[in-house]
Amino acid sequence: MEQEQLTYILVKDYVPTGTLDSTIGFKPKIAPIVCLIAGVAMLIPNNLFVRILGVFFLIMAIAVLYAMKDKKVAEIYSDGVLIYNSKNQEYAYFLDYNDVKMWKVDHEEGHDSIIFTLNSTYRTGFDTFQSNKAYRALQKYIGDKDEKIIRAEELRKVGPSDLIKRIKNRLFKK
């Protein structure tokens, strides 16, 4: 992701013009709680293997809840996204929704990334385990710029014969 064209500002100097919708952190919130509940439930049966698995779930959930540090990765406002610098939390850059050409959630490498393609063709974004929260907030403000929706619109405009040609070209590459 290229970020050299974006200007970082001090977070303490940032004065928001829109209303804050969501604060997105890096650490997962729901999955460790589900693992904690599942781990406790697995301690109940009278089966050694299930109990060992339950202890494993408990250890993993407690490790994520208490050992893993959370940090803010973004704040979603009604007029744009404040994306924090991954190396120094005192700096961030503001991404106005008018500068966004399209955005998507990318599921890779064990966590999700929210990736923005700007009008200037630069790409930027942030990594998080809270992609569902970010997706819901972004859908509220720039849902029409979601890459999935844009691709679906393009496919809907293509005629059936063009679609068949595309499929043939992909299946039978020359």
Protein backbone atom coordinates (compact mmCIF):
# COMPACT_ATOMS: atom_id res chain seq x y z
CA MET A 1 0.00 0.00 0.00
CA GLU A 2 1.37 3.36 -0.97
CA GLN A 3 1.05 6.14 1.55
CA GLU A 4 3.69 8.67 0.48
CA GLN A 5 1.13 11.08 -1.02
CA LEU A 6 -0.84 11.36 2.20
CA THR A 7 0.02 14.01 4.77
CA TYR A 8 0.29 12.90 8.37
CA ILE A 9 -0.98 15.22 11.08
CA LEU A 10 -0.70 15.16 14.85
CA VAL A 11 -3.79 13.45 16.23
CA LYS A 12 -4.03 15.93 19.13
CA ASP A 13 -4.22 18.80 16.59
CA TYR A 14 -6.96 17.17 14.51
CA VAL A 15 -10.31 18.95 14.75
CA PRO A 16 -13.07 16.74 13.33
CA THR A 17 -15.61 18.34 11.03
CA GLY A 18 -17.95 15.34 10.98
CA THR A 19 -19.41 13.20 13.73
CA LEU A 20 -17.54 10.15 15.02
CA ASP A 21 -19.30 6.93 14.02
CA SER A 22 -16.85 4.14 14.99
CA THR A 23 -13.43 3.65 16.48
CA ILE A 24 -11.70 0.65 14.93
CA GLY A 25 -9.04 -1.19 16.90
CA PHE A 26 -6.70 -3.95 15.82
CA LYS A 27 -7.53 -6.59 18.46
CA PRO A 28 -10.54 -8.90 17.97
CA LYS A 29 -13.40 -8.46 20.43
CA ILE A 30 -16.06 -11.12 19.81
CA ALA A 31 -13.97 -14.20 18.88
CA PRO A 32 -12.07 -14.43 22.20
CA ILE A 33 -15.31 -14.16 24.17
CA VAL A 34 -16.89 -16.92 22.08
CA CYS A 35 -13.76 -19.08 22.65
CA LEU A 36 -13.96 -18.35 26.38
CA ILE A 37 -17.60 -19.48 26.54
CA ALA A 38 -16.85 -22.55 24.39
CA GLY A 39 -13.86 -23.42 26.60
CA VAL A 40 -15.95 -23.27 29.77
CA ALA A 41 -18.68 -25.36 28.11
CA MET A 42 -16.10 -27.99 27.09
CA LEU A 43 -15.04 -28.46 30.70
CA ILE A 44 -18.48 -29.86 31.59
CA PRO A 45 -18.52 -33.22 29.69
CA ASN A 46 -16.85 -36.22 31.27
CA ASN A 47 -14.42 -36.72 28.38
CA LEU A 48 -10.70 -36.07 28.80
CA PHE A 49 -10.09 -35.02 25.18
CA VAL A 50 -12.96 -32.52 25.23
CA ARG A 51 -11.72 -31.08 28.54
CA ILE A 52 -8.17 -30.71 27.19
CA LEU A 53 -9.60 -28.92 24.15
CA GLY A 54 -11.63 -26.70 26.49
CA VAL A 55 -8.50 -25.76 28.46
CA PHE A 56 -6.76 -24.95 25.17
CA PHE A 57 -9.67 -22.67 24.16
CA LEU A 58 -9.54 -20.96 27.56
CA ILE A 59 -5.78 -20.36 27.35
CA MET A 60 -6.06 -18.95 23.82
CA ALA A 61 -8.98 -16.67 24.74
CA ILE A 62 -7.25 -15.35 27.85
CA ALA A 63 -4.03 -14.79 25.89
CA VAL A 64 -5.86 -12.72 23.28
CA LEU A 65 -7.90 -10.80 25.84
CA TYR A 66 -5.06 -9.91 28.19
CA ALA A 67 -1.69 -10.44 26.49
CA MET A 68 -2.46 -8.95 23.08
CA LYS A 69 -2.31 -5.16 23.11
CA ASP A 70 -4.99 -3.23 21.31
CA LYS A 71 -4.34 -0.07 19.37
CA LYS A 72 -6.52 2.28 17.37
CA VAL A 73 -6.11 1.81 13.67
CA ALA A 74 -8.86 4.11 12.42
CA GLU A 75 -11.74 6.35 13.37
CA ILE A 76 -14.65 6.54 10.97
CA TYR A 77 -16.39 9.91 10.78
CA SER A 78 -19.38 11.02 8.77
CA ASP A 79 -17.10 12.90 6.33
CA GLY A 80 -14.02 10.67 6.19
CA VAL A 81 -11.67 8.22 7.90
CA LEU A 82 -8.81 9.10 10.24
CA ILE A 83 -6.20 6.37 9.72
CA TYR A 84 -3.52 6.09 12.38
CA ASN A 85 0.15 5.59 11.60
CA SER A 86 0.99 1.96 12.39
CA LYS A 87 4.39 2.85 13.85
CA ASN A 88 3.51 6.02 15.80
CA GLN A 89 -0.02 6.43 17.18
CA GLU A 90 0.49 10.18 17.64
CA TYR A 91 0.22 10.69 13.88
CA ALA A 92 -2.60 9.96 11.48
CA TYR A 93 -3.92 11.11 8.13
CA PHE A 94 -7.46 12.05 7.22
CA LEU A 95 -8.98 10.42 4.17
CA ASP A 96 -11.95 12.40 2.85
CA TYR A 97 -14.72 10.31 1.29
CA ASN A 98 -14.59 12.55 -1.82
CA ASP A 99 -11.02 11.33 -2.47
CA VAL A 100 -12.07 7.65 -2.41
CA LYS A 101 -12.69 6.00 -5.77
CA MET A 102 -13.53 2.59 -4.26
CA TRP A 103 -12.85 0.50 -1.17
CA LYS A 104 -12.90 -3.15 -0.19
CA VAL A 105 -12.30 -5.59 2.64
CA ASP A 106 -9.42 -7.91 1.83
CA HIS A 107 -9.27 -11.21 3.75
CA GLU A 108 -5.64 -12.31 3.81
CA GLU A 109 -2.78 -13.26 6.12
CA GLY A 110 -4.83 -14.15 9.19
CA HIS A 111 -6.52 -10.77 9.51
CA ASP A 112 -8.51 -8.39 7.35
CA SER A 113 -7.47 -5.21 5.61
CA ILE A 114 -9.67 -2.30 4.63
CA ILE A 115 -8.17 -0.98 1.39
CA PHE A 116 -9.07 2.33 -0.22
CA THR A 117 -8.29 3.12 -3.85
CA LEU A 118 -8.08 6.87 -4.19
CA ASN A 119 -9.03 9.00 -7.19
CA SER A 120 -5.30 9.49 -7.79
CA THR A 121 -5.00 5.65 -8.12
CA TYR A 122 -3.02 5.40 -4.87
CA ARG A 123 -4.03 2.64 -2.49
CA THR A 124 -4.00 2.90 1.27
CA GLY A 125 -5.75 1.29 4.20
CA PHE A 126 -5.42 -0.39 7.55
CA ASP A 127 -5.29 -3.90 9.03
CA THR A 128 -7.76 -5.02 11.68
CA PHE A 129 -9.60 -7.96 13.19
CA GLN A 130 -12.70 -5.72 13.45
CA SER A 131 -13.45 -5.56 9.73
CA ASN A 132 -17.19 -6.19 10.19
CA LYS A 133 -17.50 -3.08 12.36
CA ALA A 134 -15.55 -1.01 9.81
CA TYR A 135 -17.56 -2.47 6.92
CA ARG A 136 -20.90 -1.52 8.51
CA ALA A 137 -19.73 2.03 9.21
CA LEU A 138 -18.28 2.52 5.71
CA GLN A 139 -21.41 1.09 4.09
CA LYS A 140 -23.38 3.82 5.83
CA TYR A 141 -21.34 6.63 4.24
CA ILE A 142 -19.73 5.30 1.03
CA GLY A 143 -21.60 2.09 0.33
CA ASP A 144 -21.90 3.02 -3.34
CA LYS A 145 -18.07 2.98 -3.61
CA ASP A 146 -17.78 -0.61 -2.34
CA GLU A 147 -15.73 -2.56 -4.89
CA LYS A 148 -18.18 -5.49 -4.84
CA ILE A 149 -21.07 -3.20 -5.73
CA ILE A 150 -19.09 -1.47 -8.49
CA ARG A 151 -18.07 -4.83 -10.01
CA ALA A 152 -21.67 -6.08 -9.85
CA GLU A 153 -22.89 -2.94 -11.63
CA GLU A 154 -20.29 -3.45 -14.36
CA LEU A 155 -21.37 -7.07 -14.84
CA ARG A 156 -25.02 -6.05 -14.97
CA LYS A 157 -24.27 -3.59 -17.80
CA VAL A 158 -22.49 -6.26 -19.84
CA GLY A 159 -24.73 -8.12 -22.25
CA PRO A 160 -25.12 -11.91 -22.12
CA SER A 161 -23.01 -12.48 -25.24
CA ASP A 162 -20.15 -10.37 -23.80
CA LEU A 163 -20.39 -12.29 -20.55
CA ILE A 164 -20.16 -15.62 -22.39
CA LYS A 165 -17.10 -14.34 -24.30
CA ARG A 166 -15.44 -13.33 -21.02
CA ILE A 167 -16.09 -16.75 -19.52
CA LYS A 168 -14.74 -18.50 -22.63
CA ASN A 169 -11.62 -16.32 -22.61
CA ARG A 170 -10.94 -17.17 -18.99
CA LEU A 171 -11.55 -20.88 -19.43
CA PHE A 172 -9.72 -21.26 -22.73
CA LYS A 173 -6.83 -18.82 -22.54
CA LYS A 174 -4.93 -18.69 -25.80
